[in-house]
Amino acid sequence: MQLSLFNNNDNEKQDKLENTIDKLKQKYGYDFITRAGSLDVDETAKKKRKD
């Protein structure tokens, strides 16, 4: 497990979130859910304009 730079005492909550995300990815595919910071905003805007 990678240590955090921030004081995060709620490891159980984070573990539960990560497990849920893993289950969603297994069920619906790797690209089903992603962090907002990794989105390409320009590409997303282009897709919305097409719809």
PDB file of N, CA and C in Angstrom:
ATOM      1  N   MET A   1       0.834  -1.178   0.000  1.00  0.00           N
ATOM      2  CA  MET A   1       0.000   0.000   0.000  1.00  0.00           C
ATOM      3  C   MET A   1       0.877   1.238   0.000  1.00  0.00           C
ATOM      4  N   GLN A   2       0.524   2.200  -0.831  1.00  0.00           N
ATOM      5  CA  GLN A   2       1.276   3.443  -0.902  1.00  0.00           C
ATOM      6  C   GLN A   2       0.833   4.370   0.215  1.00  0.00           C
ATOM      7  N   LEU A   3       1.792   4.998   0.873  1.00  0.00           N
ATOM      8  CA  LEU A   3       1.479   5.924   1.948  1.00  0.00           C
ATOM      9  C   LEU A   3       1.055   7.265   1.382  1.00  0.00           C
ATOM     10  N   SER A   4       0.182   7.933   2.077  1.00  0.00           N
ATOM     11  CA  SER A   4      -0.336   9.222   1.642  1.00  0.00           C
ATOM     12  C   SER A   4       0.530  10.356   2.189  1.00  0.00           C
ATOM     13  N   LEU A   5       0.582  11.449   1.461  1.00  0.00           N
ATOM     14  CA  LEU A   5       1.266  12.644   1.948  1.00  0.00           C
ATOM     15  C   LEU A   5       0.405  13.365   2.981  1.00  0.00           C
ATOM     16  N   PHE A   6      -0.874  13.099   2.960  1.00  0.00           N
ATOM     17  CA  PHE A   6      -1.812  13.759   3.853  1.00  0.00           C
ATOM     18  C   PHE A   6      -2.186  12.824   4.992  1.00  0.00           C
ATOM     19  N   ASN A   7      -2.604  13.395   6.097  1.00  0.00           N
ATOM     20  CA  ASN A   7      -3.000  12.604   7.253  1.00  0.00           C
ATOM     21  C   ASN A   7      -4.396  12.046   7.015  1.00  0.00           C
ATOM     22  N   ASN A   8      -4.459  10.817   6.571  1.00  0.00           N
ATOM     23  CA  ASN A   8      -5.737  10.186   6.264  1.00  0.00           C
ATOM     24  C   ASN A   8      -5.944   9.017   7.223  1.00  0.00           C
ATOM     25  N   ASN A   9      -6.748   9.247   8.249  1.00  0.00           N
ATOM     26  CA  ASN A   9      -6.992   8.213   9.247  1.00  0.00           C
ATOM     27  C   ASN A   9      -8.166   7.321   8.871  1.00  0.00           C
ATOM     28  N   ASP A  10      -8.805   7.596   7.750  1.00  0.00           N
ATOM     29  CA  ASP A  10     -10.000   6.856   7.363  1.00  0.00           C
ATOM     30  C   ASP A  10      -9.676   5.839   6.276  1.00  0.00           C
ATOM     31  N   ASN A  11      -8.710   4.956   6.550  1.00  0.00           N
ATOM     32  CA  ASN A  11      -8.277   3.966   5.570  1.00  0.00           C
ATOM     33  C   ASN A  11      -9.370   2.965   5.235  1.00  0.00           C
ATOM     34  N   GLU A  12     -10.213   2.641   6.197  1.00  0.00           N
ATOM     35  CA  GLU A  12     -11.292   1.676   5.959  1.00  0.00           C
ATOM     36  C   GLU A  12     -12.268   2.210   4.904  1.00  0.00           C
ATOM     37  N   LYS A  13     -12.583   3.478   5.002  1.00  0.00           N
ATOM     38  CA  LYS A  13     -13.494   4.104   4.037  1.00  0.00           C
ATOM     39  C   LYS A  13     -12.860   4.132   2.636  1.00  0.00           C
ATOM     40  N   GLN A  14     -11.592   4.454   2.559  1.00  0.00           N
ATOM     41  CA  GLN A  14     -10.876   4.482   1.281  1.00  0.00           C
ATOM     42  C   GLN A  14     -10.786   3.080   0.677  1.00  0.00           C
ATOM     43  N   ASP A  15     -10.520   2.090   1.503  1.00  0.00           N
ATOM     44  CA  ASP A  15     -10.455   0.704   1.023  1.00  0.00           C
ATOM     45  C   ASP A  15     -11.802   0.247   0.466  1.00  0.00           C
ATOM     46  N   LYS A  16     -12.879   0.613   1.148  1.00  0.00           N
ATOM     47  CA  LYS A  16     -14.223   0.255   0.698  1.00  0.00           C
ATOM     48  C   LYS A  16     -14.518   0.894  -0.662  1.00  0.00           C
ATOM     49  N   LEU A  17     -14.130   2.153  -0.819  1.00  0.00           N
ATOM     50  CA  LEU A  17     -14.321   2.850  -2.089  1.00  0.00           C
ATOM     51  C   LEU A  17     -13.535   2.173  -3.208  1.00  0.00           C
ATOM     52  N   GLU A  18     -12.278   1.857  -2.950  1.00  0.00           N
ATOM     53  CA  GLU A  18     -11.441   1.218  -3.962  1.00  0.00           C
ATOM     54  C   GLU A  18     -11.975  -0.159  -4.349  1.00  0.00           C
ATOM     55  N   ASN A  19     -12.482  -0.915  -3.381  1.00  0.00           N
ATOM     56  CA  ASN A  19     -13.068  -2.222  -3.678  1.00  0.00           C
ATOM     57  C   ASN A  19     -14.318  -2.084  -4.541  1.00  0.00           C
ATOM     58  N   THR A  20     -15.139  -1.089  -4.247  1.00  0.00           N
ATOM     59  CA  THR A  20     -16.346  -0.848  -5.045  1.00  0.00           C
ATOM     60  C   THR A  20     -15.982  -0.480  -6.467  1.00  0.00           C
ATOM     61  N   ILE A  21     -14.988   0.375  -6.629  1.00  0.00           N
ATOM     62  CA  ILE A  21     -14.532   0.772  -7.964  1.00  0.00           C
ATOM     63  C   ILE A  21     -13.998  -0.436  -8.725  1.00  0.00           C
ATOM     64  N   ASP A  22     -13.227  -1.286  -8.059  1.00  0.00           N
ATOM     65  CA  ASP A  22     -12.707  -2.502  -8.698  1.00  0.00           C
ATOM     66  C   ASP A  22     -13.835  -3.400  -9.179  1.00  0.00           C
ATOM     67  N   LYS A  23     -14.873  -3.567  -8.357  1.00  0.00           N
ATOM     68  CA  LYS A  23     -16.013  -4.407  -8.739  1.00  0.00           C
ATOM     69  C   LYS A  23     -16.744  -3.822  -9.948  1.00  0.00           C
ATOM     70  N   LEU A  24     -16.918  -2.502  -9.973  1.00  0.00           N
ATOM     71  CA  LEU A  24     -17.577  -1.862 -11.114  1.00  0.00           C
ATOM     72  C   LEU A  24     -16.772  -2.051 -12.396  1.00  0.00           C
ATOM     73  N   LYS A  25     -15.459  -1.918 -12.290  1.00  0.00           N
ATOM     74  CA  LYS A  25     -14.599  -2.095 -13.462  1.00  0.00           C
ATOM     75  C   LYS A  25     -14.623  -3.533 -13.963  1.00  0.00           C
ATOM     76  N   GLN A  26     -14.666  -4.488 -13.035  1.00  0.00           N
ATOM     77  CA  GLN A  26     -14.734  -5.896 -13.437  1.00  0.00           C
ATOM     78  C   GLN A  26     -16.052  -6.194 -14.140  1.00  0.00           C
ATOM     79  N   LYS A  27     -17.128  -5.603 -13.648  1.00  0.00           N
ATOM     80  CA  LYS A  27     -18.448  -5.895 -14.197  1.00  0.00           C
ATOM     81  C   LYS A  27     -18.706  -5.159 -15.513  1.00  0.00           C
ATOM     82  N   TYR A  28     -18.316  -3.883 -15.588  1.00  0.00           N
ATOM     83  CA  TYR A  28     -18.682  -3.044 -16.736  1.00  0.00           C
ATOM     84  C   TYR A  28     -17.517  -2.675 -17.647  1.00  0.00           C
ATOM     85  N   GLY A  29     -16.311  -3.030 -17.263  1.00  0.00           N
ATOM     86  CA  GLY A  29     -15.153  -2.710 -18.090  1.00  0.00           C
ATOM     87  C   GLY A  29     -14.291  -1.634 -17.459  1.00  0.00           C
ATOM     88  N   TYR A  30     -13.055  -1.633 -17.856  1.00  0.00           N
ATOM     89  CA  TYR A  30     -12.055  -0.754 -17.246  1.00  0.00           C
ATOM     90  C   TYR A  30     -12.386   0.729 -17.410  1.00  0.00           C
ATOM     91  N   ASP A  31     -12.973   1.109 -18.538  1.00  0.00           N
ATOM     92  CA  ASP A  31     -13.247   2.522 -18.817  1.00  0.00           C
ATOM     93  C   ASP A  31     -14.584   3.003 -18.256  1.00  0.00           C
ATOM     94  N   PHE A  32     -15.287   2.151 -17.507  1.00  0.00           N
ATOM     95  CA  PHE A  32     -16.601   2.513 -16.979  1.00  0.00           C
ATOM     96  C   PHE A  32     -16.527   3.692 -16.015  1.00  0.00           C
ATOM     97  N   ILE A  33     -15.501   3.715 -15.194  1.00  0.00           N
ATOM     98  CA  ILE A  33     -15.364   4.765 -14.187  1.00  0.00           C
ATOM     99  C   ILE A  33     -13.923   5.258 -14.204  1.00  0.00           C
ATOM    100  N   THR A  34     -13.753   6.559 -14.051  1.00  0.00           N
ATOM    101  CA  THR A  34     -12.415   7.151 -14.064  1.00  0.00           C
ATOM    102  C   THR A  34     -12.398   8.382 -13.173  1.00  0.00           C
ATOM    103  N   ARG A  35     -11.238   8.789 -12.779  1.00  0.00           N
ATOM    104  CA  ARG A  35     -11.102  10.002 -11.967  1.00  0.00           C
ATOM    105  C   ARG A  35     -11.285  11.228 -12.869  1.00  0.00           C
ATOM    106  N   ALA A  36     -11.930  12.235 -12.360  1.00  0.00           N
ATOM    107  CA  ALA A  36     -12.203  13.436 -13.139  1.00  0.00           C
ATOM    108  C   ALA A  36     -10.908  14.109 -13.603  1.00  0.00           C
ATOM    109  N   GLY A  37      -9.864  14.027 -12.820  1.00  0.00           N
ATOM    110  CA  GLY A  37      -8.602  14.656 -13.173  1.00  0.00           C
ATOM    111  C   GLY A  37      -7.931  14.048 -14.389  1.00  0.00           C
ATOM    112  N   SER A  38      -8.322  12.826 -14.742  1.00  0.00           N
ATOM    113  CA  SER A  38      -7.703  12.175 -15.890  1.00  0.00           C
ATOM    114  C   SER A  38      -8.514  12.352 -17.177  1.00  0.00           C
ATOM    115  N   LEU A  39      -9.628  13.080 -17.094  1.00  0.00           N
ATOM    116  CA  LEU A  39     -10.454  13.304 -18.273  1.00  0.00           C
ATOM    117  C   LEU A  39      -9.829  14.358 -19.178  1.00  0.00           C
ATOM    118  N   ASP A  40      -9.979  14.159 -20.470  1.00  0.00           N
ATOM    119  CA  ASP A  40      -9.555  15.151 -21.447  1.00  0.00           C
ATOM    120  C   ASP A  40     -10.758  16.065 -21.690  1.00  0.00           C
ATOM    121  N   VAL A  41     -10.739  17.246 -21.093  1.00  0.00           N
ATOM    122  CA  VAL A  41     -11.884  18.147 -21.121  1.00  0.00           C
ATOM    123  C   VAL A  41     -12.239  18.538 -22.554  1.00  0.00           C
ATOM    124  N   ASP A  42     -11.268  18.818 -23.384  1.00  0.00           N
ATOM    125  CA  ASP A  42     -11.544  19.212 -24.765  1.00  0.00           C
ATOM    126  C   ASP A  42     -12.245  18.095 -25.529  1.00  0.00           C
ATOM    127  N   GLU A  43     -11.795  16.860 -25.364  1.00  0.00           N
ATOM    128  CA  GLU A  43     -12.385  15.716 -26.050  1.00  0.00           C
ATOM    129  C   GLU A  43     -13.813  15.473 -25.561  1.00  0.00           C
ATOM    130  N   THR A  44     -14.027  15.619 -24.279  1.00  0.00           N
ATOM    131  CA  THR A  44     -15.365  15.436 -23.708  1.00  0.00           C
ATOM    132  C   THR A  44     -16.329  16.481 -24.267  1.00  0.00           C
ATOM    133  N   ALA A  45     -15.870  17.706 -24.388  1.00  0.00           N
ATOM    134  CA  ALA A  45     -16.711  18.780 -24.919  1.00  0.00           C
ATOM    135  C   ALA A  45     -17.060  18.505 -26.386  1.00  0.00           C
ATOM    136  N   LYS A  46     -16.116  18.000 -27.156  1.00  0.00           N
ATOM    137  CA  LYS A  46     -16.372  17.678 -28.560  1.00  0.00           C
ATOM    138  C   LYS A  46     -17.445  16.600 -28.685  1.00  0.00           C
ATOM    139  N   LYS A  47     -17.373  15.588 -27.848  1.00  0.00           N
ATOM    140  CA  LYS A  47     -18.365  14.505 -27.873  1.00  0.00           C
ATOM    141  C   LYS A  47     -19.748  15.029 -27.542  1.00  0.00           C
ATOM    142  N   LYS A  48     -19.854  15.936 -26.569  1.00  0.00           N
ATOM    143  CA  LYS A  48     -21.165  16.472 -26.190  1.00  0.00           C
ATOM    144  C   LYS A  48     -21.744  17.304 -27.305  1.00  0.00           C
ATOM    145  N   ARG A  49     -20.922  18.034 -28.048  1.00  0.00           N
ATOM    146  CA  ARG A  49     -21.413  18.846 -29.153  1.00  0.00           C
ATOM    147  C   ARG A  49     -21.970  17.995 -30.267  1.00  0.00           C
ATOM    148  N   LYS A  50     -21.396  16.802 -30.476  1.00  0.00           N
ATOM    149  CA  LYS A  50     -21.866  15.895 -31.510  1.00  0.00           C
ATOM    150  C   LYS A  50     -23.251  15.363 -31.178  1.00  0.00           C
ATOM    151  N   ASP A  51     -23.532  15.156 -29.894  1.00  0.00           N
ATOM    152  CA  ASP A  51     -24.826  14.609 -29.460  1.00  0.00           C
ATOM    153  C   ASP A  51     -25.851  15.661 -29.525  1.00  0.00           C
TER     154      ASP A  51
END
